Amino acid sequence: MPLSSNERRALAARGQRLRARIVIRAGELSETAVAHVRSAFARADLIKVRISTDDRVACERAAAQLAERIPCELVQRIGRVVLLYRPAARPE
């Protein structure tokens, strides 16, 4: 479910007031870290995650792997902070 540019822009605007409450290490994207991010999506549809690394490529790689393993959409990455979106589950 790729986001349109208008949706991405609106989500980025919403994400400006959020704080990165989850910190993960780029080299150690463990199942525990992924589960922690998944549990954060139970409370909110848009979250910020700080990736602890000094290497830009490692940060990009970790953000892409995290988005793939959750699964969720990577809205934006600014420095070491990524904004992730997953639509709230709809009751049937």
N, C-alpha and C. Protein backbone atom coordinates (compact mmCIF):
# COMPACT_ATOMS: atom_id res chain seq x y z
N MET A 1 0.82 -1.16 0.00
CA MET A 1 0.00 0.00 0.00
C MET A 1 0.88 1.25 0.00
N PRO A 2 1.43 1.61 -1.13
CA PRO A 2 2.27 2.81 -1.20
C PRO A 2 1.44 4.07 -0.95
N LEU A 3 2.06 5.02 -0.29
CA LEU A 3 1.39 6.28 0.03
C LEU A 3 1.55 7.26 -1.12
N SER A 4 0.52 8.06 -1.36
CA SER A 4 0.64 9.11 -2.35
C SER A 4 1.46 10.26 -1.76
N SER A 5 1.89 11.16 -2.59
CA SER A 5 2.70 12.27 -2.09
C SER A 5 1.88 13.17 -1.15
N ASN A 6 0.60 13.33 -1.42
CA ASN A 6 -0.25 14.14 -0.52
C ASN A 6 -0.41 13.46 0.84
N GLU A 7 -0.60 12.15 0.84
CA GLU A 7 -0.71 11.41 2.10
C GLU A 7 0.60 11.48 2.88
N ARG A 8 1.70 11.30 2.18
CA ARG A 8 3.02 11.35 2.81
C ARG A 8 3.27 12.73 3.43
N ARG A 9 2.90 13.78 2.72
CA ARG A 9 3.08 15.14 3.22
C ARG A 9 2.22 15.39 4.45
N ALA A 10 0.97 14.92 4.43
CA ALA A 10 0.08 15.09 5.58
C ALA A 10 0.59 14.33 6.80
N LEU A 11 1.09 13.11 6.59
CA LEU A 11 1.64 12.33 7.69
C LEU A 11 2.91 12.98 8.24
N ALA A 12 3.75 13.52 7.38
CA ALA A 12 4.97 14.19 7.83
C ALA A 12 4.61 15.42 8.67
N ALA A 13 3.56 16.13 8.29
CA ALA A 13 3.11 17.29 9.06
C ALA A 13 2.60 16.85 10.43
N ARG A 14 1.85 15.76 10.48
CA ARG A 14 1.39 15.22 11.76
C ARG A 14 2.55 14.76 12.63
N GLY A 15 3.57 14.22 12.00
CA GLY A 15 4.70 13.67 12.73
C GLY A 15 5.64 14.70 13.31
N GLN A 16 5.53 15.96 12.90
CA GLN A 16 6.43 16.98 13.40
C GLN A 16 6.33 17.16 14.91
N ARG A 17 5.15 17.00 15.46
CA ARG A 17 4.98 17.23 16.89
C ARG A 17 5.28 15.98 17.74
N LEU A 18 5.54 14.86 17.09
CA LEU A 18 5.85 13.63 17.82
C LEU A 18 7.31 13.61 18.26
N ARG A 19 7.56 12.85 19.31
CA ARG A 19 8.93 12.64 19.78
C ARG A 19 9.31 11.19 19.53
N ALA A 20 10.58 10.97 19.26
CA ALA A 20 11.07 9.60 19.06
C ALA A 20 11.15 8.93 20.42
N ARG A 21 10.25 8.01 20.70
CA ARG A 21 10.20 7.35 22.00
C ARG A 21 10.86 5.97 21.98
N ILE A 22 11.19 5.49 20.81
CA ILE A 22 11.83 4.17 20.68
C ILE A 22 13.20 4.38 20.06
N VAL A 23 14.20 3.77 20.66
CA VAL A 23 15.57 3.84 20.14
C VAL A 23 16.05 2.41 19.88
N ILE A 24 16.51 2.17 18.66
CA ILE A 24 17.04 0.85 18.32
C ILE A 24 18.43 1.01 17.73
N ARG A 25 19.20 -0.05 17.79
CA ARG A 25 20.54 -0.05 17.19
C ARG A 25 20.46 -0.56 15.77
N ALA A 26 21.18 0.07 14.88
CA ALA A 26 21.12 -0.28 13.46
C ALA A 26 21.62 -1.69 13.20
N GLY A 27 22.70 -2.08 13.84
CA GLY A 27 23.28 -3.39 13.59
C GLY A 27 22.57 -4.53 14.26
N GLU A 28 21.73 -4.24 15.22
CA GLU A 28 21.08 -5.27 16.01
C GLU A 28 19.56 -5.15 15.93
N LEU A 29 19.02 -5.33 14.75
CA LEU A 29 17.58 -5.24 14.57
C LEU A 29 16.98 -6.59 14.95
N SER A 30 16.86 -6.81 16.25
CA SER A 30 16.41 -8.09 16.78
C SER A 30 14.89 -8.20 16.73
N GLU A 31 14.42 -9.39 16.97
CA GLU A 31 12.97 -9.63 17.00
C GLU A 31 12.34 -8.88 18.17
N THR A 32 13.09 -8.71 19.25
CA THR A 32 12.58 -7.96 20.40
C THR A 32 12.35 -6.49 20.03
N ALA A 33 13.27 -5.89 19.30
CA ALA A 33 13.11 -4.51 18.86
C ALA A 33 11.92 -4.37 17.92
N VAL A 34 11.77 -5.32 17.02
CA VAL A 34 10.64 -5.31 16.08
C VAL A 34 9.33 -5.46 16.84
N ALA A 35 9.31 -6.35 17.82
CA ALA A 35 8.09 -6.54 18.62
C ALA A 35 7.76 -5.28 19.41
N HIS A 36 8.77 -4.57 19.88
CA HIS A 36 8.55 -3.33 20.62
C HIS A 36 7.90 -2.28 19.72
N VAL A 37 8.35 -2.17 18.49
CA VAL A 37 7.77 -1.22 17.55
C VAL A 37 6.34 -1.64 17.19
N ARG A 38 6.13 -2.94 17.01
CA ARG A 38 4.77 -3.43 16.72
C ARG A 38 3.81 -3.09 17.87
N SER A 39 4.28 -3.23 19.10
CA SER A 39 3.41 -2.91 20.25
C SER A 39 3.11 -1.42 20.30
N ALA A 40 4.03 -0.58 19.83
CA ALA A 40 3.77 0.85 19.78
C ALA A 40 2.68 1.17 18.76
N PHE A 41 2.61 0.38 17.69
CA PHE A 41 1.55 0.58 16.70
C PHE A 41 0.18 0.17 17.23
N ALA A 42 0.12 -0.57 18.32
CA ALA A 42 -1.16 -0.90 18.93
C ALA A 42 -1.79 0.34 19.56
N ARG A 43 -0.95 1.32 19.92
CA ARG A 43 -1.44 2.53 20.57
C ARG A 43 -1.55 3.72 19.61
N ALA A 44 -0.82 3.71 18.52
CA ALA A 44 -0.82 4.84 17.59
C ALA A 44 -0.55 4.35 16.18
N ASP A 45 -1.02 5.10 15.20
CA ASP A 45 -0.79 4.71 13.81
C ASP A 45 0.45 5.35 13.20
N LEU A 46 1.03 6.33 13.91
CA LEU A 46 2.19 7.06 13.42
C LEU A 46 3.19 7.18 14.56
N ILE A 47 4.41 6.67 14.35
CA ILE A 47 5.42 6.71 15.42
C ILE A 47 6.77 7.13 14.85
N LYS A 48 7.59 7.66 15.74
CA LYS A 48 8.97 8.01 15.39
C LYS A 48 9.90 7.06 16.11
N VAL A 49 10.93 6.63 15.39
CA VAL A 49 11.93 5.73 15.93
C VAL A 49 13.31 6.33 15.66
N ARG A 50 14.15 6.37 16.69
CA ARG A 50 15.53 6.83 16.52
C ARG A 50 16.41 5.60 16.32
N ILE A 51 17.24 5.65 15.28
CA ILE A 51 18.15 4.55 14.99
C ILE A 51 19.55 5.00 15.42
N SER A 52 20.11 4.26 16.34
CA SER A 52 21.39 4.62 16.95
C SER A 52 22.55 4.12 16.09
N THR A 53 23.08 5.01 15.26
CA THR A 53 24.24 4.71 14.43
C THR A 53 24.81 6.03 13.90
N ASP A 54 26.07 6.01 13.52
CA ASP A 54 26.69 7.19 12.91
C ASP A 54 26.81 7.04 11.40
N ASP A 55 26.49 5.86 10.90
CA ASP A 55 26.63 5.56 9.47
C ASP A 55 25.29 5.78 8.77
N ARG A 56 25.28 6.67 7.78
CA ARG A 56 24.05 7.01 7.07
C ARG A 56 23.48 5.81 6.32
N VAL A 57 24.34 5.05 5.68
CA VAL A 57 23.89 3.88 4.92
C VAL A 57 23.28 2.83 5.85
N ALA A 58 23.91 2.61 6.99
CA ALA A 58 23.39 1.65 7.96
C ALA A 58 22.04 2.10 8.49
N CYS A 59 21.86 3.39 8.67
CA CYS A 59 20.58 3.92 9.13
C CYS A 59 19.49 3.70 8.09
N GLU A 60 19.79 3.98 6.84
CA GLU A 60 18.82 3.76 5.76
C GLU A 60 18.45 2.28 5.65
N ARG A 61 19.45 1.43 5.75
CA ARG A 61 19.23 -0.02 5.66
C ARG A 61 18.37 -0.50 6.82
N ALA A 62 18.66 -0.04 8.03
CA ALA A 62 17.90 -0.45 9.21
C ALA A 62 16.46 0.05 9.12
N ALA A 63 16.26 1.26 8.63
CA ALA A 63 14.90 1.81 8.48
C ALA A 63 14.10 0.99 7.47
N ALA A 64 14.72 0.63 6.35
CA ALA A 64 14.03 -0.17 5.34
C ALA A 64 13.71 -1.57 5.87
N GLN A 65 14.65 -2.18 6.59
CA GLN A 65 14.40 -3.51 7.16
C GLN A 65 13.30 -3.46 8.21
N LEU A 66 13.30 -2.42 9.02
CA LEU A 66 12.27 -2.28 10.05
C LEU A 66 10.90 -2.14 9.42
N ALA A 67 10.78 -1.29 8.40
CA ALA A 67 9.51 -1.10 7.71
C ALA A 67 9.03 -2.40 7.06
N GLU A 68 9.96 -3.18 6.54
CA GLU A 68 9.61 -4.45 5.90
C GLU A 68 9.16 -5.50 6.91
N ARG A 69 9.84 -5.54 8.06
CA ARG A 69 9.54 -6.58 9.05
C ARG A 69 8.30 -6.28 9.89
N ILE A 70 7.88 -5.02 9.98
CA ILE A 70 6.74 -4.68 10.85
C ILE A 70 5.43 -5.29 10.32
N PRO A 71 4.93 -5.15 9.17
CA PRO A 71 5.12 -4.26 8.02
C PRO A 71 4.42 -2.91 8.24
N CYS A 72 5.05 -1.87 7.69
CA CYS A 72 4.50 -0.52 7.77
C CYS A 72 5.13 0.32 6.65
N GLU A 73 4.70 1.56 6.56
CA GLU A 73 5.23 2.46 5.55
C GLU A 73 6.26 3.39 6.17
N LEU A 74 7.38 3.55 5.50
CA LEU A 74 8.40 4.50 5.92
C LEU A 74 8.02 5.85 5.30
N VAL A 75 7.54 6.76 6.13
CA VAL A 75 7.06 8.06 5.65
C VAL A 75 8.25 8.96 5.31
N GLN A 76 9.18 9.09 6.26
CA GLN A 76 10.35 9.90 6.00
C GLN A 76 11.46 9.53 6.97
N ARG A 77 12.68 9.92 6.59
CA ARG A 77 13.83 9.75 7.45
C ARG A 77 14.58 11.06 7.45
N ILE A 78 14.76 11.62 8.63
CA ILE A 78 15.54 12.84 8.78
C ILE A 78 16.64 12.54 9.77
N GLY A 79 17.86 12.53 9.28
CA GLY A 79 18.98 12.17 10.13
C GLY A 79 18.85 10.73 10.59
N ARG A 80 18.81 10.53 11.89
CA ARG A 80 18.69 9.18 12.45
C ARG A 80 17.29 8.87 12.94
N VAL A 81 16.33 9.74 12.63
CA VAL A 81 14.96 9.55 13.09
C VAL A 81 14.08 9.20 11.90
N VAL A 82 13.33 8.11 12.04
CA VAL A 82 12.42 7.69 10.97
C VAL A 82 10.98 7.81 11.46
N LEU A 83 10.11 8.16 10.55
CA LEU A 83 8.68 8.26 10.83
C LEU A 83 8.00 7.10 10.12
N LEU A 84 7.31 6.28 10.90
CA LEU A 84 6.66 5.07 10.39
C LEU A 84 5.16 5.19 10.53
N TYR A 85 4.43 4.66 9.55
CA TYR A 85 2.97 4.71 9.55
C TYR A 85 2.40 3.33 9.25
N ARG A 86 1.41 2.97 10.04
CA ARG A 86 0.62 1.77 9.76
C ARG A 86 -0.81 2.11 10.10
N PRO A 87 -1.73 1.96 9.13
CA PRO A 87 -3.12 2.30 9.41
C PRO A 87 -3.68 1.46 10.55
N ALA A 88 -4.52 2.08 11.34
CA ALA A 88 -5.13 1.38 12.47
C ALA A 88 -6.00 0.24 11.95
N ALA A 89 -5.99 -0.85 12.68
CA ALA A 89 -6.80 -2.00 12.29
C ALA A 89 -8.27 -1.67 12.44
N ARG A 90 -9.04 -2.01 11.45
CA ARG A 90 -10.47 -1.73 11.47
C ARG A 90 -11.23 -2.95 11.96
N PRO A 91 -12.10 -2.76 12.94
CA PRO A 91 -12.90 -3.90 13.40
C PRO A 91 -13.89 -4.31 12.32
N GLU A 92 -14.10 -5.59 12.19
CA GLU A 92 -15.01 -6.09 11.14
C GLU A 92 -16.40 -6.32 11.67
